[in-house]
């Protein structure tokens, strides 16, 4: 479980290490441009907080498992703090992300076809070597670090009523919901083919789900994190589902109308508005978090 105070502590710890990303207004919406963060996603916030909160790193460095974005963030934070990083990814990880990991100096190990298989191998490796294990989304320090994005939203848009963001394992959702608790509502948007939050809220706890679809490279967790579920239940986070067609259309809209390049998973948040899955009340101030940009832009036309 994490609370607002944990996010405040994280913000102080990682100050100067991460970018304060801008907010832009477009078509009556507020877009939080977190895809401009170091390594192209919000994950750098949690990676820095996890590594710095642990104190001097062990000689074996840090180990993580990731479909891509968390690994990039850990590799970057490790390099910035003079720490060795080893990243386990599924064989299905996008080549653009694997190449990015290697450019950052991380040792990359590809295992299995699903995130869960890479995670199992990474935890075993950390236990064997004594390396600091950095979970992609289900550690208090990681979630609190991601929540610093929520503090920025409150500073940039104090009148925000609702924050829409994509959910995979739930680390971002947990951090932001803790950060804005009592100030704004958080709505998690997921692909119909990867409903981790939706399933957890319906069944009363995290449960395994089958994952597929166009956004599986970034929203590929097969189970919501325990911390994410606890925070969602406490703060009243809602879940909305959108289909692949809507995600593709929203991603293309962000490019053609605003020249913003994002991952398919990121576009899920906007898709909830465009499909009517979420209908703001008159005068409601809605913030859409654009959380990641690590994608191949060759399929964006116009």
Protein backbone atom coordinates (compact mmCIF):
# COMPACT_ATOMS: atom_id res chain seq x y z
CA UNK A 1 0.00 0.00 0.00
CA UNK A 2 1.18 3.55 -0.67
CA UNK A 3 -0.18 6.94 0.34
CA UNK A 4 0.18 10.59 -0.64
CA UNK A 5 3.10 11.03 1.78
CA UNK A 6 5.04 8.25 0.04
CA UNK A 7 4.66 10.04 -3.27
CA UNK A 8 5.84 13.30 -1.70
CA UNK A 9 8.92 11.53 -0.37
CA UNK A 10 9.60 10.09 -3.81
CA UNK A 11 9.31 13.51 -5.43
CA UNK A 12 11.97 14.90 -3.09
CA UNK A 13 14.24 11.89 -3.68
CA UNK A 14 14.18 12.00 -7.49
CA UNK A 15 14.16 15.78 -7.88
CA UNK A 16 16.59 16.75 -10.62
CA UNK A 17 16.71 13.21 -11.95
CA UNK A 18 13.51 13.24 -14.03
CA UNK A 19 11.88 15.75 -16.35
CA UNK A 20 8.91 17.85 -15.39
CA UNK A 21 6.87 17.07 -18.48
CA UNK A 22 4.54 19.68 -19.98
CA UNK A 23 0.77 19.89 -20.07
CA UNK A 24 -0.91 20.88 -23.34
CA UNK A 25 -4.51 21.82 -24.05
CA UNK A 26 -6.07 20.35 -27.17
CA UNK A 27 -9.72 20.09 -28.22
CA UNK A 28 -10.88 20.98 -24.72
CA UNK A 29 -8.70 18.31 -23.11
CA UNK A 30 -5.54 18.57 -21.08
CA UNK A 31 -2.81 16.25 -22.33
CA UNK A 32 -0.03 15.36 -19.89
CA UNK A 33 2.91 14.79 -22.24
CA UNK A 34 4.74 12.19 -20.19
CA UNK A 35 5.91 10.46 -23.37
CA UNK A 36 8.62 13.17 -23.29
CA UNK A 37 10.08 11.70 -20.09
CA UNK A 38 13.57 10.16 -20.08
CA UNK A 39 13.54 6.87 -22.05
CA UNK A 40 10.12 7.73 -23.47
CA UNK A 41 7.84 6.76 -20.59
CA UNK A 42 6.81 7.49 -17.00
CA UNK A 43 8.79 4.47 -15.84
CA UNK A 44 11.94 6.51 -15.19
CA UNK A 45 10.26 8.02 -12.14
CA UNK A 46 9.75 4.70 -10.39
CA UNK A 47 13.12 3.31 -11.43
CA UNK A 48 15.02 6.22 -9.92
CA UNK A 49 12.99 6.09 -6.72
CA UNK A 50 13.53 2.34 -6.29
CA UNK A 51 17.30 2.55 -6.85
CA UNK A 52 17.88 5.69 -4.77
CA UNK A 53 15.64 4.58 -1.89
CA UNK A 54 17.66 1.36 -1.55
CA UNK A 55 20.88 3.21 -0.73
CA UNK A 56 24.29 2.16 -2.11
CA UNK A 57 23.64 -0.46 -4.81
CA UNK A 58 25.01 -3.99 -4.39
CA UNK A 59 28.05 -5.04 -6.39
CA UNK A 60 25.80 -7.19 -8.59
CA UNK A 61 23.85 -4.08 -9.62
CA UNK A 62 20.16 -4.13 -10.42
CA UNK A 63 17.97 -6.68 -12.18
CA UNK A 64 14.52 -6.19 -13.68
CA UNK A 65 12.04 -7.91 -15.96
CA UNK A 66 10.20 -5.90 -18.55
CA UNK A 67 8.31 -5.97 -21.80
CA UNK A 68 10.41 -2.93 -22.66
CA UNK A 69 9.59 0.36 -20.95
CA UNK A 70 10.44 -0.59 -17.36
CA UNK A 71 13.68 -2.11 -18.56
CA UNK A 72 14.62 1.05 -20.44
CA UNK A 73 13.90 3.10 -17.34
CA UNK A 74 15.92 0.87 -15.02
CA UNK A 75 18.81 0.78 -17.50
CA UNK A 76 18.79 4.57 -17.71
CA UNK A 77 18.54 5.11 -13.95
CA UNK A 78 21.29 2.56 -13.37
CA UNK A 79 23.59 4.25 -15.87
CA UNK A 80 22.90 7.65 -14.31
CA UNK A 81 23.75 6.32 -10.85
CA UNK A 82 26.78 4.29 -11.92
CA UNK A 83 25.10 0.93 -11.44
CA UNK A 84 25.16 -2.22 -13.57
CA UNK A 85 21.78 -3.25 -15.01
CA UNK A 86 20.58 -6.63 -16.25
CA UNK A 87 17.20 -6.68 -17.97
CA UNK A 88 15.11 -9.77 -18.71
CA UNK A 89 12.57 -9.37 -21.51
CA UNK A 90 10.28 -11.80 -23.34
CA UNK A 91 11.32 -12.81 -26.84
CA UNK A 92 8.25 -10.92 -28.07
CA UNK A 93 9.59 -7.55 -26.86
CA UNK A 94 9.64 -4.96 -29.69
CA UNK A 95 13.08 -4.72 -31.35
CA UNK A 96 13.06 -0.94 -30.89
CA UNK A 97 12.92 -1.42 -27.11
CA UNK A 98 15.55 -4.16 -27.03
CA UNK A 99 17.88 -1.98 -29.09
CA UNK A 100 17.26 0.89 -26.69
CA UNK A 101 18.21 -1.28 -23.71
CA UNK A 102 21.51 -2.20 -25.30
CA UNK A 103 22.27 1.42 -26.19
CA UNK A 104 21.87 2.27 -22.51
CA UNK A 105 24.47 -0.33 -21.60
CA UNK A 106 22.19 -2.93 -20.05
CA UNK A 107 22.82 -6.64 -20.34
CA UNK A 108 19.72 -7.99 -22.08
CA UNK A 109 18.44 -11.54 -21.55
CA UNK A 110 15.44 -12.68 -23.61
CA UNK A 111 13.38 -15.43 -21.98
CA UNK A 112 9.99 -16.90 -22.90
CA UNK A 113 7.13 -15.29 -24.77
CA UNK A 114 5.36 -13.56 -21.88
CA UNK A 115 6.33 -11.00 -19.27
CA UNK A 116 5.60 -13.49 -16.48
CA UNK A 117 8.32 -15.83 -17.76
CA UNK A 118 10.88 -13.03 -17.92
CA UNK A 119 9.90 -11.94 -14.41
CA UNK A 120 10.40 -15.42 -12.97
CA UNK A 121 13.87 -15.63 -14.51
CA UNK A 122 14.78 -12.15 -13.26
CA UNK A 123 13.73 -12.82 -9.67
CA UNK A 124 15.75 -16.03 -9.66
CA UNK A 125 18.77 -14.15 -10.98
CA UNK A 126 18.47 -11.45 -8.31
CA UNK A 127 18.27 -14.11 -5.58
CA UNK A 128 21.34 -15.88 -6.95
CA UNK A 129 23.53 -12.80 -7.30
CA UNK A 130 22.31 -10.44 -4.59
CA UNK A 131 21.34 -7.80 -7.15
CA UNK A 132 18.65 -5.27 -6.30
CA UNK A 133 15.43 -6.43 -7.92
CA UNK A 134 13.35 -3.69 -9.50
CA UNK A 135 9.80 -4.82 -10.17
CA UNK A 136 8.15 -3.31 -13.22
CA UNK A 137 5.09 -2.18 -11.25
CA UNK A 138 4.46 -3.90 -7.89
CA UNK A 139 6.90 -2.38 -5.39
CA UNK A 140 6.07 0.53 -3.06
CA UNK A 141 9.03 2.61 -4.20
CA UNK A 142 8.19 2.04 -7.86
CA UNK A 143 4.54 2.96 -7.45
CA UNK A 144 5.36 6.03 -5.36
CA UNK A 145 7.86 7.18 -7.96
CA UNK A 146 5.31 6.85 -10.75
CA UNK A 147 2.91 8.87 -8.60
CA UNK A 148 5.10 11.95 -8.86
CA UNK A 149 3.45 12.42 -12.25
CA UNK A 150 0.19 12.93 -10.35
CA UNK A 151 1.74 15.65 -8.20
CA UNK A 152 2.81 17.47 -11.35
CA UNK A 153 -0.71 17.26 -12.73
CA UNK A 154 -2.08 18.88 -9.56
CA UNK A 155 0.49 21.67 -9.87
CA UNK A 156 -0.15 22.24 -13.59
CA UNK A 157 -3.94 21.84 -13.52
CA UNK A 158 -5.21 22.45 -10.01
CA UNK A 159 -8.79 22.40 -11.32
CA UNK A 160 -8.50 18.91 -12.83
CA UNK A 161 -11.50 16.74 -11.99
CA UNK A 162 -10.62 13.49 -13.76
CA UNK A 163 -7.42 11.78 -14.85
CA UNK A 164 -7.60 9.11 -17.56
CA UNK A 165 -4.61 6.81 -17.90
CA UNK A 166 -3.75 3.43 -19.35
CA UNK A 167 -3.38 0.43 -17.01
CA UNK A 168 -1.23 -2.64 -17.42
CA UNK A 169 0.23 -3.88 -14.15
CA UNK A 170 -1.10 -0.81 -12.41
CA UNK A 171 1.98 0.93 -11.03
CA UNK A 172 1.19 4.26 -12.68
CA UNK A 173 -2.46 4.08 -11.69
CA UNK A 174 -1.58 3.27 -8.07
CA UNK A 175 0.92 6.11 -7.78
CA UNK A 176 -1.28 8.72 -9.42
CA UNK A 177 -4.37 7.67 -7.44
CA UNK A 178 -2.40 7.97 -4.19
CA UNK A 179 -1.00 11.35 -5.25
CA UNK A 180 -4.37 12.90 -6.12
CA UNK A 181 -6.52 11.15 -3.49
CA UNK A 182 -9.23 13.51 -2.38
CA UNK A 183 -8.47 15.96 -5.19
CA UNK A 184 -9.40 14.21 -8.47
CA UNK A 185 -10.79 10.90 -9.67
CA UNK A 186 -8.61 8.43 -11.55
CA UNK A 187 -9.99 6.20 -14.30
CA UNK A 188 -7.95 3.32 -15.62
CA UNK A 189 -8.40 2.42 -19.28
CA UNK A 190 -7.47 -1.01 -20.57
CA UNK A 191 -7.71 -2.97 -23.80
CA UNK A 192 -10.52 -5.51 -23.82
CA UNK A 193 -7.81 -8.08 -24.48
CA UNK A 194 -5.80 -7.22 -21.32
CA UNK A 195 -8.30 -6.39 -18.54
CA UNK A 196 -6.11 -6.74 -15.43
CA UNK A 197 -7.72 -3.92 -13.41
CA UNK A 198 -11.21 -4.70 -14.64
CA UNK A 199 -10.90 -8.35 -13.62
CA UNK A 200 -9.45 -7.48 -10.21
CA UNK A 201 -12.24 -5.04 -9.41
CA UNK A 202 -14.89 -7.55 -10.47
CA UNK A 203 -13.43 -10.51 -8.59
CA UNK A 204 -12.23 -8.74 -5.45
CA UNK A 205 -8.50 -9.10 -6.04
CA UNK A 206 -5.78 -9.55 -8.65
CA UNK A 207 -6.31 -12.52 -10.95
CA UNK A 208 -4.48 -13.85 -13.98
CA UNK A 209 -5.86 -12.82 -17.37
CA UNK A 210 -5.00 -13.76 -20.92
CA UNK A 211 -3.24 -10.94 -22.73
CA UNK A 212 -3.22 -10.23 -26.45
CA UNK A 213 -3.92 -7.42 -28.87
CA UNK A 214 -2.24 -4.40 -30.36
CA UNK A 215 -1.15 -2.94 -27.00
CA UNK A 216 0.29 -6.12 -25.48
CA UNK A 217 3.87 -4.86 -25.86
CA UNK A 218 3.31 -2.15 -23.23
CA UNK A 219 0.17 -3.31 -21.39
CA UNK A 220 1.25 -6.92 -21.30
CA UNK A 221 1.07 -7.72 -17.58
CA UNK A 222 -1.11 -10.76 -17.01
CA UNK A 223 -2.04 -9.77 -13.47
CA UNK A 224 -2.68 -6.48 -11.68
CA UNK A 225 -0.21 -5.72 -8.91
CA UNK A 226 -1.27 -6.18 -5.29
CA UNK A 227 -0.37 -2.56 -4.47
CA UNK A 228 -2.37 -1.32 -7.44
CA UNK A 229 -5.44 -3.26 -6.35
CA UNK A 230 -5.20 -2.01 -2.78
CA UNK A 231 -4.92 1.62 -3.88
CA UNK A 232 -7.66 1.28 -6.49
CA UNK A 233 -10.04 -0.22 -3.94
CA UNK A 234 -9.21 2.46 -1.37
CA UNK A 235 -9.52 5.44 -3.69
CA UNK A 236 -12.38 4.28 -5.91
CA UNK A 237 -10.50 3.97 -9.20
CA UNK A 238 -12.81 2.90 -12.03
CA UNK A 239 -11.97 0.69 -15.01
CA UNK A 240 -13.02 1.19 -18.62
CA UNK A 241 -12.36 -1.15 -21.55
CA UNK A 242 -11.69 -0.22 -25.18
CA UNK A 243 -11.11 -2.38 -28.23
CA UNK A 244 -8.07 -2.51 -30.50
CA UNK A 245 -9.78 -0.60 -33.28
CA UNK A 246 -10.44 2.33 -30.97
CA UNK A 247 -6.86 2.28 -29.67
CA UNK A 248 -5.45 2.34 -33.20
CA UNK A 249 -7.73 5.22 -34.17
CA UNK A 250 -6.82 7.25 -31.08
CA UNK A 251 -3.10 6.74 -31.66
CA UNK A 252 -3.49 7.86 -35.27
CA UNK A 253 -5.52 10.90 -34.17
CA UNK A 254 -2.77 12.02 -31.80
CA UNK A 255 -0.36 11.94 -34.72
CA UNK A 256 -2.49 13.43 -37.48
CA UNK A 257 -4.07 16.20 -35.38
CA UNK A 258 -1.29 17.01 -32.93
CA UNK A 259 1.87 15.35 -34.28
CA UNK A 260 2.28 13.36 -31.07
CA UNK A 261 3.81 9.88 -31.40
CA UNK A 262 2.70 7.43 -28.70
CA UNK A 263 2.51 3.70 -28.12
CA UNK A 264 -0.73 1.88 -28.74
CA UNK A 265 -1.15 1.27 -25.01
CA UNK A 266 -0.82 4.97 -24.29
CA UNK A 267 -3.60 5.80 -26.78
CA UNK A 268 -6.08 3.69 -24.80
CA UNK A 269 -6.70 6.64 -22.48
CA UNK A 270 -7.85 8.88 -25.33
CA UNK A 271 -9.81 6.02 -26.89
CA UNK A 272 -12.08 5.94 -23.84
CA UNK A 273 -13.22 9.46 -24.67
CA UNK A 274 -13.50 8.98 -28.40
CA UNK A 275 -15.66 5.87 -28.08
CA UNK A 276 -17.91 7.33 -25.41
CA UNK A 277 -16.75 4.78 -22.85
CA UNK A 278 -16.22 7.86 -20.71
CA UNK A 279 -18.44 10.91 -21.14
CA UNK A 280 -17.32 13.97 -19.16
CA UNK A 281 -19.97 16.07 -17.48
CA UNK A 282 -20.43 19.67 -18.70
CA UNK A 283 -17.51 21.74 -17.48
CA UNK A 284 -15.54 18.73 -16.24
CA UNK A 285 -11.76 19.19 -16.56
CA UNK A 286 -10.23 15.99 -17.91
CA UNK A 287 -6.53 15.20 -18.06
CA UNK A 288 -5.40 12.46 -20.46
CA UNK A 289 -2.01 11.02 -19.57
CA UNK A 290 0.14 10.18 -22.60
CA UNK A 291 2.49 7.84 -20.81
CA UNK A 292 4.77 6.31 -23.42
CA UNK A 293 6.31 6.87 -26.86
CA UNK A 294 8.44 3.78 -27.47
CA UNK A 295 6.92 2.63 -30.72
CA UNK A 296 7.69 2.14 -34.37
CA UNK A 297 6.17 5.20 -36.06
CA UNK A 298 6.34 3.73 -39.56
CA UNK A 299 2.64 2.81 -39.48
CA UNK A 300 1.53 6.39 -38.77
CA UNK A 301 0.34 7.95 -42.00
CA UNK A 302 -0.39 11.56 -42.82
